[in-house]
Amino acid sequence: MKFTKRQFTTGLAAVALLAGVAASAHAQTALDDVMKAKKIVIAIPTDFPPYGFVGTDMAPQGLDVDMAKYIATKLGVAIELAPVTSANRVAYLQTKKADLVISTLGKNPEREKVIDFTAAYSPFFQAVFAPKSMNIKSFADLAGKTVGVTRGAIEDQELTKLAPPTADIKRFEDNNVTVSSFVSGQVQLIATGASVAGNMMAKNPQLNTEYKLLLKDSPNFIGVAKGEDKLRAKVNEIIAEGKKSGDLDKLAVKWLGRPAGDLPQ
């Protein structure tokens, strides 16, 4: 039986339409699949303290790991943690290797083209850190103090705007040197990102370092596969409840030294 070009084209269009309908139907199955299997697979970092790292017992820990467990508990399902890197975390959603990605994801237009995002669940920030014994309540208190910062980084730009003219800002060429300057006592305070500070504090507990002043907030969002609106809505419910109950503030204080605060939707 021969087909005309028009019939062939019409047939292809019909197949494409059916494929689209099937894809649309499939796009809403993640939450149902999770509840049916009684298990959720969540991608987390293991090389980015304090959000995700491997503890002395070789088990993943950190804010993102705790958040993953929190969501699984609220859903009433078991959890499988899937370690990812910054480079492959989005791909884990696209290839359905994970149901969610909780890995310090920032929301931007490029990522929104390929995955969806929940409301924010935790802060990611740049801040000034110092020993607990040092009384620092405002940027004015940096007057006469030495502050280490990585040259050209976001924290350098923000600190330059906010610090008083009499603050002695010492600029170093990379994060490792900046951290070393603080650990060795070359500077009294350090301005850096939460992850760098978290790693430094974990390795040097004797310094009794704590969060002092916020430089800039860049909140984290949970990644969901495109079109999985039911799962995204359910996770948003859990996040909203966690904000209201104070659970998200407790997680942020535990790992970052400050509450989660007013996070964006």
Protein backbone atom coordinates (compact mmCIF):
# COMPACT_ATOMS: atom_id res chain seq x y z
CA MET A 1 0.00 0.00 0.00
CA LYS A 2 1.43 3.38 -1.04
CA PHE A 3 1.17 6.56 1.01
CA THR A 4 1.09 10.01 -0.43
CA LYS A 5 3.48 12.61 0.94
CA ARG A 6 0.54 14.34 2.62
CA GLN A 7 -0.63 11.11 4.29
CA PHE A 8 2.91 10.34 5.44
CA THR A 9 3.31 13.82 6.90
CA THR A 10 -0.07 13.58 8.63
CA GLY A 11 0.95 10.22 10.07
CA LEU A 12 4.16 11.63 11.45
CA ALA A 13 2.27 14.49 13.04
CA ALA A 14 -0.12 12.03 14.70
CA VAL A 15 2.78 9.96 16.06
CA ALA A 16 4.43 13.11 17.38
CA LEU A 17 1.17 14.17 19.05
CA LEU A 18 0.74 10.78 20.69
CA ALA A 19 4.36 10.86 21.85
CA GLY A 20 3.76 14.30 23.34
CA VAL A 21 0.66 13.11 25.16
CA ALA A 22 2.55 10.10 26.49
CA ALA A 23 5.44 12.29 27.62
CA SER A 24 3.01 14.67 29.31
CA ALA A 25 1.33 11.79 31.11
CA HIS A 26 4.70 10.35 32.14
CA ALA A 27 5.85 13.76 33.36
CA GLN A 28 3.42 13.54 36.27
CA THR A 29 4.38 10.08 37.56
CA ALA A 30 7.37 10.83 39.83
CA LEU A 31 5.42 11.39 43.05
CA ASP A 32 3.18 8.38 42.39
CA ASP A 33 6.21 6.23 41.63
CA VAL A 34 7.93 7.32 44.84
CA MET A 35 4.89 6.59 46.99
CA LYS A 36 4.33 3.24 45.30
CA ALA A 37 7.97 2.16 45.71
CA LYS A 38 8.09 3.63 49.22
CA LYS A 39 11.50 5.04 48.35
CA ILE A 40 12.87 8.31 47.01
CA VAL A 41 16.26 8.82 45.36
CA ILE A 42 17.78 12.19 46.19
CA ALA A 43 21.05 13.49 44.75
CA ILE A 44 23.29 15.20 47.32
CA PRO A 45 26.87 16.60 47.38
CA THR A 46 29.66 14.87 49.27
CA ASP A 47 32.47 17.31 48.50
CA PHE A 48 30.95 20.62 49.57
CA PRO A 49 30.90 21.13 53.35
CA PRO A 50 28.91 22.11 55.30
CA TYR A 51 26.14 21.26 52.79
CA GLY A 52 27.37 17.78 51.97
CA PHE A 53 30.52 15.85 52.85
CA VAL A 54 31.70 12.46 54.06
CA GLY A 55 32.10 12.18 57.83
CA THR A 56 34.64 10.19 59.80
CA ASP A 57 32.25 7.25 59.70
CA MET A 58 32.33 7.50 55.86
CA ALA A 59 28.61 8.37 55.78
CA PRO A 60 27.32 11.49 54.00
CA GLN A 61 26.37 14.38 56.26
CA GLY A 62 25.63 18.08 56.04
CA LEU A 63 22.71 20.46 55.59
CA ASP A 64 21.67 19.10 52.18
CA VAL A 65 21.87 15.52 53.45
CA ASP A 66 19.72 16.39 56.47
CA MET A 67 17.24 18.17 54.21
CA ALA A 68 17.01 15.10 51.97
CA LYS A 69 16.30 12.90 54.98
CA TYR A 70 13.76 15.44 56.26
CA ILE A 71 11.79 15.29 53.01
CA ALA A 72 11.87 11.50 52.92
CA THR A 73 10.61 11.37 56.52
CA LYS A 74 7.77 13.79 55.76
CA LEU A 75 6.80 11.68 52.73
CA GLY A 76 6.95 8.53 54.86
CA VAL A 77 9.33 6.73 52.49
CA ALA A 78 12.83 5.29 52.59
CA ILE A 79 15.66 7.29 51.09
CA GLU A 80 18.51 6.45 48.73
CA LEU A 81 21.24 9.09 48.65
CA ALA A 82 22.98 9.54 45.29
CA PRO A 83 26.29 11.46 45.53
CA VAL A 84 26.72 13.99 42.71
CA THR A 85 29.12 16.72 41.67
CA SER A 86 28.36 20.25 40.48
CA ALA A 87 28.94 19.08 36.91
CA ASN A 88 26.50 16.13 36.83
CA ARG A 89 23.76 17.02 39.33
CA VAL A 90 21.34 18.43 36.72
CA ALA A 91 21.92 15.42 34.48
CA TYR A 92 20.79 13.13 37.31
CA LEU A 93 17.33 14.67 37.02
CA GLN A 94 17.25 14.62 33.26
CA THR A 95 18.23 10.94 33.07
CA LYS A 96 15.91 10.00 35.97
CA LYS A 97 18.76 8.75 38.16
CA ALA A 98 17.29 10.89 40.95
CA ASP A 99 13.84 12.14 41.88
CA LEU A 100 15.21 15.32 43.47
CA VAL A 101 18.52 17.17 43.58
CA ILE A 102 19.40 18.84 46.88
CA SER A 103 22.89 20.10 46.15
CA THR A 104 23.27 23.87 46.72
CA LEU A 105 21.45 24.63 43.47
CA GLY A 106 21.00 28.28 42.66
CA LYS A 107 18.11 29.23 40.39
CA ASN A 108 18.98 30.92 37.11
CA PRO A 109 17.33 31.26 33.67
CA GLU A 110 19.62 28.73 32.00
CA ARG A 111 18.85 25.99 34.53
CA GLU A 112 15.14 26.81 34.44
CA LYS A 113 15.13 25.83 30.77
CA VAL A 114 15.99 22.21 31.62
CA ILE A 115 14.75 21.57 35.18
CA ASP A 116 12.16 22.97 37.60
CA PHE A 117 12.76 24.34 41.08
CA THR A 118 10.95 24.23 44.40
CA ALA A 119 10.88 27.12 46.84
CA ALA A 120 14.20 27.90 48.51
CA TYR A 121 15.09 25.67 51.47
CA SER A 122 18.36 27.12 52.79
CA PRO A 123 20.61 30.14 52.54
CA PHE A 124 23.88 30.14 50.67
CA PHE A 125 25.81 33.21 51.58
CA GLN A 126 29.03 35.11 51.84
CA ALA A 127 29.80 36.43 55.31
CA VAL A 128 32.38 37.62 57.81
CA PHE A 129 33.52 34.99 60.31
CA ALA A 130 35.60 35.39 63.46
CA PRO A 131 36.28 33.76 66.84
CA LYS A 132 33.29 33.66 69.18
CA SER A 133 35.25 35.74 71.69
CA MET A 134 35.41 38.69 69.28
CA ASN A 135 32.51 41.11 69.69
CA ILE A 136 31.36 41.96 66.16
CA LYS A 137 27.77 43.21 65.86
CA SER A 138 27.98 45.52 62.84
CA PHE A 139 30.33 46.46 60.04
CA ALA A 140 31.37 49.49 62.09
CA ASP A 141 32.99 47.02 64.51
CA LEU A 142 35.49 46.08 61.79
CA ALA A 143 37.24 49.43 62.31
CA GLY A 144 40.89 48.81 63.12
CA LYS A 145 40.53 45.05 62.53
CA THR A 146 42.35 42.96 59.91
CA VAL A 147 40.04 41.02 57.60
CA GLY A 148 41.25 38.41 55.12
CA VAL A 149 39.46 37.99 51.79
CA THR A 150 40.10 36.43 48.39
CA ARG A 151 40.94 39.09 45.83
CA GLY A 152 38.16 39.79 43.33
CA ALA A 153 35.67 37.35 44.87
CA ILE A 154 32.05 38.33 45.60
CA GLU A 155 32.91 38.70 49.27
CA ASP A 156 35.77 41.07 48.37
CA GLN A 157 33.37 43.26 46.37
CA GLU A 158 30.74 43.31 49.12
CA LEU A 159 33.23 43.81 51.97
CA THR A 160 34.77 46.77 50.14
CA LYS A 161 31.31 48.39 49.98
CA LEU A 162 30.35 47.71 53.61
CA ALA A 163 33.52 47.90 55.70
CA PRO A 164 34.55 51.22 57.29
CA PRO A 165 37.58 53.00 55.80
CA THR A 166 39.69 52.12 58.84
CA ALA A 167 39.19 48.36 58.40
CA ASP A 168 42.42 46.71 57.28
CA ILE A 169 41.38 44.45 54.39
CA LYS A 170 44.08 41.94 53.45
CA ARG A 171 43.52 40.46 49.98
CA PHE A 172 44.90 37.06 49.01
CA GLU A 173 45.07 35.28 45.67
CA ASP A 174 42.91 32.20 46.39
CA ASN A 175 40.65 30.70 49.06
CA ASN A 176 43.32 28.35 50.43
CA VAL A 177 45.72 31.21 51.14
CA THR A 178 42.89 33.31 52.61
CA VAL A 179 41.91 30.49 54.96
CA SER A 180 45.56 29.88 55.94
CA SER A 181 45.95 33.56 56.81
CA PHE A 182 43.05 33.32 59.25
CA VAL A 183 44.00 29.94 60.73
CA SER A 184 47.58 31.12 61.31
CA GLY A 185 46.44 34.35 62.96
CA GLN A 186 47.77 36.60 60.21
CA VAL A 187 44.29 38.22 60.08
CA GLN A 188 41.67 38.53 62.82
CA LEU A 189 38.58 37.87 60.69
CA ILE A 190 37.81 36.23 57.38
CA ALA A 191 35.25 37.15 54.72
CA THR A 192 34.31 34.11 52.66
CA GLY A 193 31.51 31.85 51.42
CA ALA A 194 29.54 29.55 53.70
CA SER A 195 31.02 26.38 52.19
CA VAL A 196 34.63 27.54 52.57
CA ALA A 197 33.95 28.69 56.13
CA GLY A 198 32.18 25.43 56.98
CA ASN A 199 35.12 23.37 55.79
CA MET A 200 37.56 25.60 57.66
CA MET A 201 35.56 25.38 60.91
CA ALA A 202 35.25 21.60 60.64
CA LYS A 203 39.02 21.22 60.23
CA ASN A 204 39.93 23.79 62.90
CA PRO A 205 37.44 23.47 65.79
CA GLN A 206 40.02 24.89 68.20
CA LEU A 207 39.55 28.33 66.64
CA ASN A 208 35.91 28.53 67.85
CA THR A 209 34.95 30.41 64.69
CA GLU A 210 31.39 31.59 64.13
CA TYR A 211 29.28 33.56 61.67
CA LYS A 212 29.31 37.30 62.39
CA LEU A 213 28.06 39.52 59.55
CA LEU A 214 26.16 38.82 56.33
CA LEU A 215 27.70 40.10 53.09
CA LYS A 216 25.33 38.61 50.53
CA ASP A 217 22.57 35.99 50.38
CA SER A 218 22.18 33.50 47.50
CA PRO A 219 19.55 30.92 48.55
CA ASN A 220 19.48 27.27 47.52
CA PHE A 221 16.58 25.57 45.72
CA ILE A 222 15.67 21.89 45.20
CA GLY A 223 15.81 20.66 41.61
CA VAL A 224 12.91 18.68 40.14
CA ALA A 225 12.63 17.15 36.66
CA LYS A 226 10.78 19.29 34.12
CA GLY A 227 7.01 18.80 34.29
CA GLU A 228 6.95 16.94 37.61
CA ASP A 229 4.52 19.45 39.09
CA LYS A 230 2.90 17.05 41.57
CA LEU A 231 6.21 16.18 43.18
CA ARG A 232 7.30 19.83 43.17
CA ALA A 233 4.04 20.91 44.81
CA LYS A 234 4.39 18.24 47.49
CA VAL A 235 7.97 19.24 48.28
CA ASN A 236 6.89 22.88 48.43
CA GLU A 237 4.28 21.89 51.03
CA ILE A 238 7.01 20.24 53.11
CA ILE A 239 9.28 23.29 52.77
CA ALA A 240 6.44 25.63 53.79
CA GLU A 241 5.68 23.48 56.85
CA GLY A 242 9.39 23.40 57.71
CA LYS A 243 9.59 27.18 57.58
CA LYS A 244 6.50 27.58 59.76
CA SER A 245 7.63 25.04 62.35
CA GLY A 246 11.16 26.39 62.54
CA ASP A 247 12.70 23.12 61.35
CA LEU A 248 14.53 24.81 58.45
CA ASP A 249 15.92 27.44 60.81
CA LYS A 250 17.24 24.66 63.06
CA LEU A 251 19.00 22.98 60.14
CA ALA A 252 20.59 26.26 59.06
CA VAL A 253 21.75 27.07 62.60
CA LYS A 254 23.19 23.56 62.99
CA TRP A 255 25.27 23.71 59.81
CA LEU A 256 25.68 27.40 58.97
CA GLY A 257 25.51 29.13 62.33
CA ARG A 258 22.53 31.30 61.38
CA PRO A 259 18.79 30.80 60.80
CA ALA A 260 17.41 30.21 57.30
CA GLY A 261 15.49 33.48 57.57
CA ASP A 262 13.04 34.78 54.99
CA LEU A 263 13.66 32.52 51.99
CA PRO A 264 12.11 33.23 48.55
CA GLN A 265 9.41 31.07 47.01
